[in-house]
Protein backbone atom coordinates (compact mmCIF):
# COMPACT_ATOMS: atom_id res chain seq x y z
CA MET A 1 191.38 184.48 24.54
CA SER A 2 194.00 184.52 27.29
CA GLY A 3 194.02 186.87 30.25
CA PHE A 4 196.44 189.60 31.17
CA VAL A 5 199.50 188.95 33.35
CA GLN A 6 201.90 191.28 35.12
CA VAL A 7 205.08 192.03 33.21
CA ALA A 8 206.50 194.78 35.44
CA THR A 9 205.87 196.95 38.47
CA ALA A 10 206.41 200.71 38.36
CA GLY A 11 206.72 203.08 41.28
CA ASP A 12 204.00 205.40 40.00
CA VAL A 13 201.60 205.99 37.12
CA ALA A 14 204.10 208.09 35.14
CA GLU A 15 206.65 205.26 35.16
CA ALA A 16 203.95 202.76 34.21
CA GLU A 17 202.94 204.95 31.28
CA GLU A 18 206.58 205.06 30.12
CA LEU A 19 206.61 201.26 30.14
CA GLN A 20 203.32 201.23 28.24
CA GLU A 21 204.88 203.45 25.58
CA ILE A 22 207.80 201.03 25.19
CA LEU A 23 205.35 198.17 24.80
CA ARG A 24 203.13 200.12 22.38
CA ASP A 25 206.17 200.90 20.22
CA ALA A 26 206.89 197.15 20.16
CA GLY A 27 203.31 196.46 19.05
CA ILE A 28 202.27 194.92 22.37
CA GLU A 29 198.94 195.77 23.98
CA SER A 30 199.14 196.66 27.67
CA THR A 31 197.17 198.09 30.54
CA ILE A 32 198.02 199.39 34.00
CA SER A 33 196.48 198.53 37.34
CA GLN A 34 196.95 200.20 40.70
CA SER A 35 195.66 198.73 43.92
CA ASP A 36 194.16 201.06 46.51
CA GLU A 37 196.50 199.99 49.31
CA ASP A 38 199.74 200.09 47.32
CA ASP A 39 201.55 202.94 45.55
CA ALA A 40 203.10 200.60 42.99
CA VAL A 41 201.46 200.27 39.59
CA SER A 42 201.34 196.94 37.71
CA VAL A 43 201.86 196.84 33.96
CA LEU A 44 199.83 194.02 32.44
CA VAL A 45 200.10 192.37 29.02
CA PRO A 46 198.30 189.47 27.34
CA GLU A 47 199.71 186.17 28.61
CA THR A 48 200.68 185.20 25.06
CA GLU A 49 202.84 188.37 24.78
CA LEU A 50 204.62 188.07 28.15
CA GLU A 51 208.03 186.98 26.85
CA SER A 52 208.02 189.52 24.02
CA ALA A 53 207.02 192.26 26.46
CA GLN A 54 209.84 191.33 28.86
CA ASP A 55 212.32 191.39 25.98
CA ALA A 56 211.07 194.80 24.77
CA ILE A 57 211.32 196.34 28.24
CA GLU A 58 214.77 194.88 28.88
CA ALA A 59 216.04 196.08 25.49
CA LEU A 60 214.95 199.68 26.06
CA THR A 61 215.67 200.25 29.75
CA GLU A 62 218.79 200.44 31.85
CA PRO A 63 219.44 197.50 34.19
CA ASP A 64 219.10 199.73 37.27
CA ASP A 65 215.81 201.31 36.14
CA ILE A 66 212.56 201.13 38.02
CA ILE A 67 211.38 197.80 36.71
CA ALA A 68 210.76 195.10 39.25
CA GLU A 69 210.04 191.50 38.43
CA PRO A 70 206.48 190.55 39.32
């Protein structure tokens, strides 16, 4: 089984949960991780789903939205 990799960075937990909803609707498992010293929240997906997750997020968000490349 492969590990999880970062697909996006959100500014806060609410934004990360919105990204998780997009991924869930696309049938992609995800989790969020927030480090203690940083306000940003990482959205993680299985390594095997990374490209599909990126495509799903890009298809359902505006180009100027909160998503940052890892």
